[in-house]
N, C-alpha and C. Protein backbone atom coordinates (compact mmCIF):
# COMPACT_ATOMS: atom_id res chain seq x y z
N MET A 1 -75.14 -11.45 7.22
CA MET A 1 -73.72 -11.16 7.37
C MET A 1 -73.59 -9.95 8.28
N GLU A 2 -72.76 -10.05 9.28
CA GLU A 2 -72.57 -8.93 10.19
C GLU A 2 -71.75 -7.82 9.52
N SER A 3 -71.92 -6.62 9.99
CA SER A 3 -71.22 -5.48 9.42
C SER A 3 -69.76 -5.51 9.84
N ARG A 4 -68.87 -5.21 8.90
CA ARG A 4 -67.45 -5.16 9.19
C ARG A 4 -66.88 -3.88 8.63
N SER A 5 -65.89 -3.36 9.26
CA SER A 5 -65.24 -2.13 8.80
C SER A 5 -64.39 -2.42 7.58
N LEU A 6 -64.27 -1.41 6.70
CA LEU A 6 -63.43 -1.54 5.52
C LEU A 6 -62.07 -0.90 5.75
N ASP A 7 -61.54 -0.98 6.97
CA ASP A 7 -60.30 -0.28 7.28
C ASP A 7 -59.05 -1.15 7.18
N ILE A 8 -59.12 -2.29 6.51
CA ILE A 8 -57.93 -3.12 6.35
C ILE A 8 -56.93 -2.39 5.47
N GLY A 9 -55.75 -2.20 5.96
CA GLY A 9 -54.71 -1.55 5.18
C GLY A 9 -53.83 -2.58 4.52
N LEU A 10 -53.19 -2.18 3.42
CA LEU A 10 -52.29 -3.11 2.75
C LEU A 10 -51.18 -3.55 3.67
N ASP A 11 -50.81 -2.71 4.61
CA ASP A 11 -49.76 -3.07 5.55
C ASP A 11 -50.23 -4.13 6.54
N LYS A 12 -51.55 -4.34 6.64
CA LYS A 12 -52.09 -5.34 7.56
C LYS A 12 -52.45 -6.64 6.86
N ALA A 13 -52.56 -6.61 5.54
CA ALA A 13 -52.91 -7.82 4.80
C ALA A 13 -51.72 -8.77 4.81
N GLU A 14 -52.00 -10.01 5.17
CA GLU A 14 -50.94 -11.00 5.27
C GLU A 14 -50.86 -11.90 4.04
N THR A 15 -51.95 -12.01 3.30
CA THR A 15 -52.00 -12.84 2.10
C THR A 15 -52.92 -12.19 1.09
N TRP A 16 -52.89 -12.67 -0.16
CA TRP A 16 -53.77 -12.14 -1.20
C TRP A 16 -55.24 -12.36 -0.81
N ASP A 17 -55.56 -13.46 -0.18
CA ASP A 17 -56.94 -13.76 0.22
C ASP A 17 -57.19 -13.38 1.69
N TRP A 18 -56.67 -12.22 2.07
CA TRP A 18 -56.77 -11.74 3.45
C TRP A 18 -58.20 -11.71 3.96
N TYR A 19 -59.16 -11.43 3.10
CA TYR A 19 -60.56 -11.35 3.54
C TYR A 19 -61.07 -12.69 4.04
N GLN A 20 -60.50 -13.80 3.53
CA GLN A 20 -60.87 -15.12 4.02
C GLN A 20 -60.12 -15.43 5.31
N ARG A 21 -58.81 -15.25 5.26
CA ARG A 21 -57.97 -15.66 6.39
C ARG A 21 -58.06 -14.71 7.58
N GLN A 22 -58.16 -13.41 7.32
CA GLN A 22 -58.15 -12.44 8.41
C GLN A 22 -59.55 -12.00 8.85
N TRP A 23 -60.51 -11.99 7.93
CA TRP A 23 -61.88 -11.57 8.28
C TRP A 23 -62.84 -12.74 8.37
N GLY A 24 -62.48 -13.89 7.80
CA GLY A 24 -63.36 -15.05 7.84
C GLY A 24 -64.52 -14.97 6.85
N LEU A 25 -64.40 -14.15 5.82
CA LEU A 25 -65.45 -14.04 4.81
C LEU A 25 -65.17 -15.00 3.66
N ASN A 26 -66.23 -15.58 3.12
CA ASN A 26 -66.03 -16.36 1.91
C ASN A 26 -66.07 -15.41 0.71
N HIS A 27 -65.82 -15.94 -0.47
CA HIS A 27 -65.75 -15.13 -1.69
C HIS A 27 -67.03 -14.31 -1.89
N ASP A 28 -68.20 -14.96 -1.80
CA ASP A 28 -69.47 -14.28 -2.03
C ASP A 28 -69.73 -13.19 -0.99
N GLU A 29 -69.43 -13.47 0.26
CA GLU A 29 -69.61 -12.46 1.31
C GLU A 29 -68.71 -11.25 1.09
N PHE A 30 -67.47 -11.50 0.69
CA PHE A 30 -66.53 -10.40 0.46
C PHE A 30 -67.02 -9.51 -0.68
N PHE A 31 -67.43 -10.12 -1.79
CA PHE A 31 -67.87 -9.32 -2.93
C PHE A 31 -69.21 -8.64 -2.67
N ALA A 32 -70.06 -9.22 -1.83
CA ALA A 32 -71.30 -8.53 -1.42
C ALA A 32 -70.94 -7.28 -0.61
N LEU A 33 -69.94 -7.40 0.26
CA LEU A 33 -69.48 -6.26 1.04
C LEU A 33 -68.88 -5.19 0.12
N CYS A 34 -68.10 -5.63 -0.86
CA CYS A 34 -67.52 -4.69 -1.83
C CYS A 34 -68.62 -3.99 -2.62
N SER A 35 -69.62 -4.73 -3.07
CA SER A 35 -70.73 -4.13 -3.82
C SER A 35 -71.43 -3.07 -2.98
N ARG A 36 -71.64 -3.37 -1.72
CA ARG A 36 -72.26 -2.38 -0.82
C ARG A 36 -71.39 -1.15 -0.70
N GLY A 37 -70.09 -1.35 -0.61
CA GLY A 37 -69.17 -0.21 -0.52
C GLY A 37 -69.22 0.68 -1.75
N VAL A 38 -69.37 0.07 -2.94
CA VAL A 38 -69.49 0.85 -4.18
C VAL A 38 -70.81 1.61 -4.18
N ARG A 39 -71.90 0.91 -3.85
CA ARG A 39 -73.22 1.57 -3.82
C ARG A 39 -73.24 2.72 -2.83
N ASP A 40 -72.55 2.57 -1.70
CA ASP A 40 -72.52 3.62 -0.67
C ASP A 40 -71.54 4.74 -1.00
N GLY A 41 -70.85 4.64 -2.14
CA GLY A 41 -69.93 5.69 -2.56
C GLY A 41 -68.61 5.73 -1.81
N ILE A 42 -68.23 4.60 -1.23
CA ILE A 42 -66.98 4.55 -0.46
C ILE A 42 -65.89 3.83 -1.25
N LEU A 43 -66.19 2.61 -1.68
CA LEU A 43 -65.20 1.81 -2.38
C LEU A 43 -64.94 2.37 -3.77
N PHE A 44 -63.70 2.48 -4.13
CA PHE A 44 -63.18 3.02 -5.40
C PHE A 44 -63.14 4.54 -5.42
N THR A 45 -63.64 5.22 -4.39
CA THR A 45 -63.62 6.68 -4.39
C THR A 45 -62.89 7.27 -3.19
N GLU A 46 -62.69 6.50 -2.16
CA GLU A 46 -62.04 6.99 -0.94
C GLU A 46 -60.61 6.46 -0.84
N GLY A 47 -59.85 7.06 0.03
CA GLY A 47 -58.49 6.61 0.27
C GLY A 47 -57.48 7.36 -0.57
N ALA A 48 -56.31 7.50 -0.01
CA ALA A 48 -55.22 8.21 -0.68
C ALA A 48 -54.39 7.24 -1.52
N PRO A 49 -53.70 7.76 -2.53
CA PRO A 49 -52.79 6.91 -3.31
C PRO A 49 -51.69 6.33 -2.42
N LEU A 50 -51.12 5.24 -2.86
CA LEU A 50 -50.00 4.65 -2.13
C LEU A 50 -48.83 5.63 -2.10
N PRO A 51 -48.03 5.59 -1.05
CA PRO A 51 -46.88 6.50 -0.97
C PRO A 51 -45.98 6.38 -2.21
N GLY A 52 -45.66 7.52 -2.79
CA GLY A 52 -44.77 7.57 -3.95
C GLY A 52 -45.48 7.44 -5.29
N ALA A 53 -46.77 7.08 -5.28
CA ALA A 53 -47.49 6.85 -6.53
C ALA A 53 -47.59 8.12 -7.38
N MET A 54 -48.02 9.21 -6.79
CA MET A 54 -48.21 10.44 -7.56
C MET A 54 -46.90 10.91 -8.18
N ARG A 55 -45.87 10.92 -7.40
CA ARG A 55 -44.56 11.36 -7.91
C ARG A 55 -44.12 10.49 -9.09
N ALA A 56 -44.25 9.18 -8.94
CA ALA A 56 -43.80 8.25 -9.99
C ALA A 56 -44.61 8.40 -11.26
N VAL A 57 -45.93 8.41 -11.17
CA VAL A 57 -46.73 8.46 -12.39
C VAL A 57 -46.61 9.82 -13.08
N LYS A 58 -46.49 10.87 -12.30
CA LYS A 58 -46.31 12.19 -12.93
C LYS A 58 -44.95 12.29 -13.61
N ARG A 59 -43.92 11.71 -13.00
CA ARG A 59 -42.60 11.68 -13.65
C ARG A 59 -42.65 10.88 -14.95
N LEU A 60 -43.36 9.76 -14.92
CA LEU A 60 -43.48 8.93 -16.12
C LEU A 60 -44.25 9.67 -17.22
N ALA A 61 -45.33 10.35 -16.85
CA ALA A 61 -46.11 11.10 -17.84
C ALA A 61 -45.28 12.24 -18.43
N ARG A 62 -44.54 12.95 -17.58
CA ARG A 62 -43.69 14.04 -18.08
C ARG A 62 -42.61 13.53 -19.02
N ALA A 63 -42.18 12.28 -18.82
CA ALA A 63 -41.15 11.68 -19.68
C ALA A 63 -41.76 11.16 -20.99
N GLY A 64 -43.07 11.31 -21.16
CA GLY A 64 -43.70 10.92 -22.41
C GLY A 64 -44.37 9.56 -22.41
N HIS A 65 -44.42 8.89 -21.28
CA HIS A 65 -45.09 7.58 -21.20
C HIS A 65 -46.60 7.77 -21.18
N ARG A 66 -47.29 6.86 -21.83
CA ARG A 66 -48.76 6.87 -21.82
C ARG A 66 -49.21 5.91 -20.73
N LEU A 67 -50.07 6.40 -19.84
CA LEU A 67 -50.54 5.60 -18.72
C LEU A 67 -51.95 5.10 -18.99
N HIS A 68 -52.08 3.77 -19.02
CA HIS A 68 -53.36 3.12 -19.27
C HIS A 68 -53.75 2.36 -18.01
N TYR A 69 -54.90 2.66 -17.47
CA TYR A 69 -55.39 2.01 -16.26
C TYR A 69 -56.42 0.97 -16.67
N ILE A 70 -56.18 -0.27 -16.27
CA ILE A 70 -57.11 -1.36 -16.56
C ILE A 70 -57.52 -1.97 -15.23
N THR A 71 -58.82 -2.03 -14.99
CA THR A 71 -59.31 -2.54 -13.73
C THR A 71 -60.40 -3.57 -13.95
N ALA A 72 -60.45 -4.55 -13.07
CA ALA A 72 -61.50 -5.58 -13.11
C ALA A 72 -62.52 -5.30 -12.02
N ARG A 73 -62.74 -4.04 -11.70
CA ARG A 73 -63.60 -3.67 -10.59
C ARG A 73 -65.08 -3.92 -10.84
N ALA A 74 -65.47 -4.27 -12.04
CA ALA A 74 -66.86 -4.65 -12.29
C ALA A 74 -67.00 -6.11 -11.88
N PHE A 75 -67.80 -6.37 -10.91
CA PHE A 75 -68.03 -7.74 -10.46
C PHE A 75 -69.49 -7.86 -10.08
N ASN A 76 -69.92 -9.03 -9.70
CA ASN A 76 -71.33 -9.25 -9.38
C ASN A 76 -71.83 -8.17 -8.42
N GLY A 77 -72.81 -7.42 -8.86
CA GLY A 77 -73.37 -6.34 -8.05
C GLY A 77 -72.81 -4.97 -8.38
N VAL A 78 -71.77 -4.91 -9.22
CA VAL A 78 -71.18 -3.63 -9.61
C VAL A 78 -71.10 -3.58 -11.13
N ALA A 79 -71.86 -2.66 -11.72
CA ALA A 79 -71.85 -2.52 -13.18
C ALA A 79 -70.53 -1.93 -13.64
N ALA A 80 -70.10 -2.31 -14.85
CA ALA A 80 -68.85 -1.78 -15.40
C ALA A 80 -68.88 -0.26 -15.46
N SER A 81 -70.02 0.33 -15.80
CA SER A 81 -70.10 1.79 -15.87
C SER A 81 -69.91 2.43 -14.50
N ASP A 82 -70.45 1.82 -13.45
CA ASP A 82 -70.25 2.34 -12.09
C ASP A 82 -68.79 2.25 -11.68
N ALA A 83 -68.18 1.10 -11.96
CA ALA A 83 -66.76 0.92 -11.63
C ALA A 83 -65.92 1.94 -12.38
N TRP A 84 -66.23 2.16 -13.66
CA TRP A 84 -65.47 3.12 -14.47
C TRP A 84 -65.62 4.53 -13.90
N HIS A 85 -66.85 4.96 -13.65
CA HIS A 85 -67.08 6.33 -13.17
C HIS A 85 -66.46 6.58 -11.80
N ARG A 86 -66.59 5.63 -10.90
CA ARG A 86 -66.00 5.82 -9.56
C ARG A 86 -64.48 5.84 -9.62
N THR A 87 -63.90 4.98 -10.45
CA THR A 87 -62.44 4.96 -10.60
C THR A 87 -61.96 6.25 -11.26
N ALA A 88 -62.65 6.70 -12.31
CA ALA A 88 -62.29 7.95 -12.98
C ALA A 88 -62.39 9.13 -12.02
N GLU A 89 -63.41 9.13 -11.18
CA GLU A 89 -63.58 10.19 -10.18
C GLU A 89 -62.37 10.23 -9.23
N TRP A 90 -61.95 9.06 -8.77
CA TRP A 90 -60.81 8.99 -7.85
C TRP A 90 -59.52 9.45 -8.54
N LEU A 91 -59.31 9.00 -9.76
CA LEU A 91 -58.11 9.41 -10.50
C LEU A 91 -58.09 10.93 -10.71
N ARG A 92 -59.25 11.51 -11.06
CA ARG A 92 -59.33 12.98 -11.22
C ARG A 92 -59.08 13.70 -9.91
N LYS A 93 -59.69 13.19 -8.84
CA LYS A 93 -59.55 13.81 -7.52
C LYS A 93 -58.07 13.95 -7.14
N TRP A 94 -57.28 12.93 -7.45
CA TRP A 94 -55.87 12.93 -7.08
C TRP A 94 -54.97 13.42 -8.22
N THR A 95 -55.54 13.87 -9.30
CA THR A 95 -54.84 14.42 -10.47
C THR A 95 -53.84 13.44 -11.10
N PHE A 96 -54.24 12.17 -11.18
CA PHE A 96 -53.41 11.19 -11.87
C PHE A 96 -53.42 11.49 -13.36
N PRO A 97 -52.28 11.42 -14.02
CA PRO A 97 -52.29 11.51 -15.48
C PRO A 97 -52.91 10.23 -16.05
N VAL A 98 -53.86 10.39 -16.96
CA VAL A 98 -54.60 9.25 -17.51
C VAL A 98 -54.67 9.38 -19.03
N HIS A 99 -54.24 8.34 -19.73
CA HIS A 99 -54.43 8.29 -21.17
C HIS A 99 -55.63 7.43 -21.52
N SER A 100 -55.92 6.44 -20.70
CA SER A 100 -57.14 5.66 -20.89
C SER A 100 -57.46 4.93 -19.59
N LEU A 101 -58.75 4.61 -19.45
CA LEU A 101 -59.24 3.83 -18.33
C LEU A 101 -60.16 2.76 -18.90
N THR A 102 -59.86 1.50 -18.62
CA THR A 102 -60.62 0.37 -19.16
C THR A 102 -61.08 -0.51 -18.01
N VAL A 103 -62.33 -0.96 -18.06
CA VAL A 103 -62.84 -1.94 -17.10
C VAL A 103 -62.95 -3.26 -17.86
N SER A 104 -62.15 -4.24 -17.43
CA SER A 104 -62.15 -5.54 -18.11
C SER A 104 -61.56 -6.60 -17.19
N VAL A 105 -62.16 -7.77 -17.21
CA VAL A 105 -61.59 -8.90 -16.48
C VAL A 105 -60.29 -9.35 -17.15
N ASP A 106 -60.24 -9.22 -18.47
CA ASP A 106 -59.04 -9.59 -19.23
C ASP A 106 -58.07 -8.42 -19.21
N LYS A 107 -57.09 -8.47 -18.32
CA LYS A 107 -56.14 -7.37 -18.19
C LYS A 107 -55.20 -7.28 -19.39
N ASN A 108 -55.16 -8.31 -20.21
CA ASN A 108 -54.30 -8.31 -21.39
C ASN A 108 -55.02 -7.71 -22.60
N CYS A 109 -56.10 -6.97 -22.36
CA CYS A 109 -56.94 -6.44 -23.44
C CYS A 109 -56.31 -5.24 -24.14
N ARG A 110 -55.31 -4.61 -23.57
CA ARG A 110 -54.67 -3.45 -24.16
C ARG A 110 -53.17 -3.71 -24.23
N PRO A 111 -52.59 -3.64 -25.43
CA PRO A 111 -51.15 -3.87 -25.55
C PRO A 111 -50.35 -2.80 -24.79
N THR A 112 -49.42 -3.25 -23.99
CA THR A 112 -48.54 -2.35 -23.25
C THR A 112 -47.13 -2.94 -23.23
N ASP A 113 -46.18 -2.09 -22.97
CA ASP A 113 -44.80 -2.54 -22.86
C ASP A 113 -44.50 -3.05 -21.45
N VAL A 114 -45.09 -2.40 -20.45
CA VAL A 114 -44.91 -2.77 -19.05
C VAL A 114 -46.29 -2.77 -18.41
N PHE A 115 -46.56 -3.75 -17.56
CA PHE A 115 -47.87 -3.87 -16.93
C PHE A 115 -47.67 -4.12 -15.45
N LEU A 116 -48.18 -3.24 -14.62
CA LEU A 116 -48.09 -3.39 -13.16
C LEU A 116 -49.41 -3.88 -12.62
N ASP A 117 -49.38 -4.96 -11.84
CA ASP A 117 -50.60 -5.48 -11.23
C ASP A 117 -50.26 -6.06 -9.86
N ASP A 118 -51.25 -6.02 -8.95
CA ASP A 118 -51.00 -6.58 -7.62
C ASP A 118 -51.60 -7.97 -7.45
N SER A 119 -52.12 -8.54 -8.51
CA SER A 119 -52.68 -9.89 -8.44
C SER A 119 -51.69 -10.90 -9.00
N PRO A 120 -51.29 -11.87 -8.20
CA PRO A 120 -50.41 -12.91 -8.73
C PRO A 120 -51.05 -13.65 -9.90
N ARG A 121 -52.37 -13.88 -9.84
CA ARG A 121 -53.07 -14.58 -10.93
C ARG A 121 -52.99 -13.78 -12.22
N VAL A 122 -53.21 -12.47 -12.14
CA VAL A 122 -53.14 -11.64 -13.35
C VAL A 122 -51.73 -11.70 -13.93
N CYS A 123 -50.71 -11.61 -13.09
CA CYS A 123 -49.34 -11.68 -13.60
C CYS A 123 -49.05 -13.03 -14.23
N HIS A 124 -49.55 -14.11 -13.65
CA HIS A 124 -49.41 -15.44 -14.28
C HIS A 124 -50.08 -15.45 -15.65
N ASP A 125 -51.29 -14.89 -15.74
CA ASP A 125 -52.01 -14.83 -17.01
C ASP A 125 -51.25 -14.01 -18.04
N LEU A 126 -50.67 -12.89 -17.63
CA LEU A 126 -49.90 -12.06 -18.55
C LEU A 126 -48.67 -12.80 -19.07
N ILE A 127 -47.99 -13.51 -18.18
CA ILE A 127 -46.82 -14.30 -18.57
C ILE A 127 -47.25 -15.39 -19.57
N ALA A 128 -48.35 -16.09 -19.26
CA ALA A 128 -48.84 -17.15 -20.15
C ALA A 128 -49.22 -16.62 -21.52
N ALA A 129 -49.71 -15.37 -21.56
CA ALA A 129 -50.11 -14.77 -22.84
C ALA A 129 -48.92 -14.16 -23.59
N GLY A 130 -47.73 -14.20 -22.98
CA GLY A 130 -46.54 -13.69 -23.64
C GLY A 130 -46.34 -12.19 -23.50
N HIS A 131 -46.93 -11.59 -22.49
CA HIS A 131 -46.74 -10.15 -22.29
C HIS A 131 -45.25 -9.86 -22.13
N PRO A 132 -44.74 -8.77 -22.73
CA PRO A 132 -43.30 -8.52 -22.69
C PRO A 132 -42.74 -8.16 -21.31
N ARG A 133 -43.54 -7.56 -20.42
CA ARG A 133 -42.96 -7.13 -19.15
C ARG A 133 -44.01 -6.98 -18.05
N PRO A 134 -44.56 -8.10 -17.54
CA PRO A 134 -45.45 -7.98 -16.39
C PRO A 134 -44.62 -7.71 -15.13
N VAL A 135 -45.12 -6.83 -14.30
CA VAL A 135 -44.46 -6.49 -13.04
C VAL A 135 -45.49 -6.68 -11.93
N TRP A 136 -45.09 -7.43 -10.91
CA TRP A 136 -45.99 -7.72 -9.80
C TRP A 136 -45.69 -6.78 -8.65
N TRP A 137 -46.73 -6.05 -8.21
CA TRP A 137 -46.63 -5.20 -7.02
C TRP A 137 -46.89 -6.11 -5.84
N SER A 138 -45.88 -6.43 -5.08
CA SER A 138 -46.01 -7.36 -3.97
C SER A 138 -46.10 -6.62 -2.65
N HIS A 139 -47.19 -6.87 -1.94
CA HIS A 139 -47.36 -6.31 -0.60
C HIS A 139 -46.81 -7.27 0.45
N PHE A 140 -46.43 -8.45 0.00
CA PHE A 140 -46.04 -9.50 0.93
C PHE A 140 -44.57 -9.85 0.69
N PRO A 141 -43.67 -9.35 1.50
CA PRO A 141 -42.24 -9.50 1.22
C PRO A 141 -41.72 -10.93 1.18
N THR A 142 -42.46 -11.88 1.72
CA THR A 142 -41.96 -13.25 1.73
C THR A 142 -42.40 -14.04 0.51
N GLN A 143 -43.23 -13.46 -0.36
CA GLN A 143 -43.70 -14.18 -1.53
C GLN A 143 -42.84 -13.85 -2.75
N THR A 144 -42.72 -14.83 -3.64
CA THR A 144 -41.99 -14.62 -4.88
C THR A 144 -42.91 -14.89 -6.05
N HIS A 145 -42.49 -14.45 -7.22
CA HIS A 145 -43.29 -14.61 -8.42
C HIS A 145 -42.36 -14.63 -9.63
N PRO A 146 -42.73 -15.35 -10.69
CA PRO A 146 -41.87 -15.35 -11.88
C PRO A 146 -41.79 -13.98 -12.57
N ALA A 147 -42.79 -13.13 -12.36
CA ALA A 147 -42.72 -11.77 -12.92
C ALA A 147 -41.74 -10.95 -12.08
N THR A 148 -41.21 -9.90 -12.63
CA THR A 148 -40.41 -8.97 -11.85
C THR A 148 -41.29 -8.46 -10.70
N THR A 149 -40.74 -8.37 -9.52
CA THR A 149 -41.50 -7.95 -8.35
C THR A 149 -40.98 -6.62 -7.83
N VAL A 150 -41.90 -5.71 -7.53
CA VAL A 150 -41.55 -4.43 -6.91
C VAL A 150 -42.40 -4.23 -5.67
N SER A 151 -41.90 -3.43 -4.76
CA SER A 151 -42.68 -3.10 -3.57
C SER A 151 -42.69 -1.59 -3.32
N SER A 152 -42.19 -0.83 -4.31
CA SER A 152 -42.26 0.63 -4.19
C SER A 152 -42.44 1.24 -5.57
N TRP A 153 -42.97 2.44 -5.59
CA TRP A 153 -43.15 3.15 -6.85
C TRP A 153 -41.82 3.54 -7.46
N GLU A 154 -40.85 3.80 -6.64
CA GLU A 154 -39.52 4.13 -7.17
C GLU A 154 -38.94 2.95 -7.95
N GLU A 155 -39.11 1.74 -7.41
CA GLU A 155 -38.65 0.54 -8.13
C GLU A 155 -39.36 0.42 -9.48
N PHE A 156 -40.67 0.65 -9.50
CA PHE A 156 -41.42 0.54 -10.74
C PHE A 156 -40.97 1.61 -11.74
N HIS A 157 -40.79 2.82 -11.28
CA HIS A 157 -40.34 3.91 -12.15
C HIS A 157 -39.01 3.54 -12.81
N THR A 158 -38.09 2.98 -12.05
CA THR A 158 -36.79 2.58 -12.57
C THR A 158 -36.93 1.53 -13.67
N ILE A 159 -37.83 0.56 -13.46
CA ILE A 159 -38.06 -0.48 -14.47
C ILE A 159 -38.61 0.13 -15.76
N VAL A 160 -39.61 0.98 -15.64
CA VAL A 160 -40.22 1.57 -16.83
C VAL A 160 -39.21 2.42 -17.58
N GLU A 161 -38.47 3.23 -16.89
CA GLU A 161 -37.47 4.07 -17.56
C GLU A 161 -36.42 3.20 -18.25
N GLY A 162 -36.02 2.10 -17.63
CA GLY A 162 -35.06 1.19 -18.24
C GLY A 162 -35.62 0.50 -19.46
N GLU A 163 -36.89 0.06 -19.40
CA GLU A 163 -37.54 -0.59 -20.54
C GLU A 163 -37.68 0.38 -21.71
N ALA A 164 -38.10 1.61 -21.43
CA ALA A 164 -38.29 2.59 -22.50
C ALA A 164 -36.96 2.89 -23.18
N TRP A 165 -35.92 2.98 -22.39
CA TRP A 165 -34.60 3.27 -22.95
C TRP A 165 -34.14 2.11 -23.84
N LEU A 166 -34.41 0.87 -23.38
CA LEU A 166 -33.96 -0.30 -24.14
C LEU A 166 -34.78 -0.51 -25.41
N SER A 167 -36.10 -0.30 -25.33
CA SER A 167 -36.96 -0.65 -26.46
C SER A 167 -37.39 0.56 -27.29
N GLY A 168 -37.22 1.76 -26.76
CA GLY A 168 -37.66 2.96 -27.47
C GLY A 168 -39.17 3.13 -27.44
N THR A 169 -39.87 2.43 -26.55
CA THR A 169 -41.33 2.54 -26.46
C THR A 169 -41.73 3.15 -25.13
N SER A 170 -43.00 3.54 -25.03
CA SER A 170 -43.41 4.23 -23.80
C SER A 170 -44.87 4.02 -23.47
N SER A 171 -45.33 2.78 -23.43
CA SER A 171 -46.71 2.52 -23.04
C SER A 171 -46.70 1.61 -21.82
N LEU A 172 -47.41 1.98 -20.80
CA LEU A 172 -47.46 1.14 -19.61
C LEU A 172 -48.86 1.13 -19.04
N THR A 173 -49.10 0.21 -18.15
CA THR A 173 -50.40 0.09 -17.53
C THR A 173 -50.20 -0.03 -16.03
N GLN A 174 -51.09 0.64 -15.32
CA GLN A 174 -51.12 0.51 -13.88
C GLN A 174 -52.47 -0.07 -13.50
N ARG A 175 -52.49 -1.09 -12.67
CA ARG A 175 -53.75 -1.62 -12.16
C ARG A 175 -54.22 -0.69 -11.07
N THR A 176 -55.50 -0.41 -11.09
CA THR A 176 -56.07 0.41 -10.02
C THR A 176 -56.96 -0.41 -9.16
């Protein structure tokens, strides 16, 4: 497999499977590249938070919400402990408020009132499991989803504050 740069930005991704359509990589090649990025200390530790993320999560934490991060970053070639440590390192580096960090393929493993994820499949699974409020972070403005869709942290903050006010609860999850 030839070497490729990891500089694809979310603003350049045209579909969820951008690595196939835009880079021409199959599933195994993409995850081999990801595994190399984790081993080299780049993937899961580099890059800045999305615009508005820090402000939104810190506002939510100050309002008393518990932030639970659930990630499926352990995949073939990446141990769950490595994924956890690298993700925790990145969250600490950027001073994200964290109540828990879980590595699990099953994103429905921790009960939450609101769940933010950027995978359409995960949101479908949450809906099928009866999750009370899955929210899909959509990078692709032309796509729709049965879950509530947001494209900014301000939109997500508004949803969480509205849910907490309506239900009197304050537990949410952010996918990392």
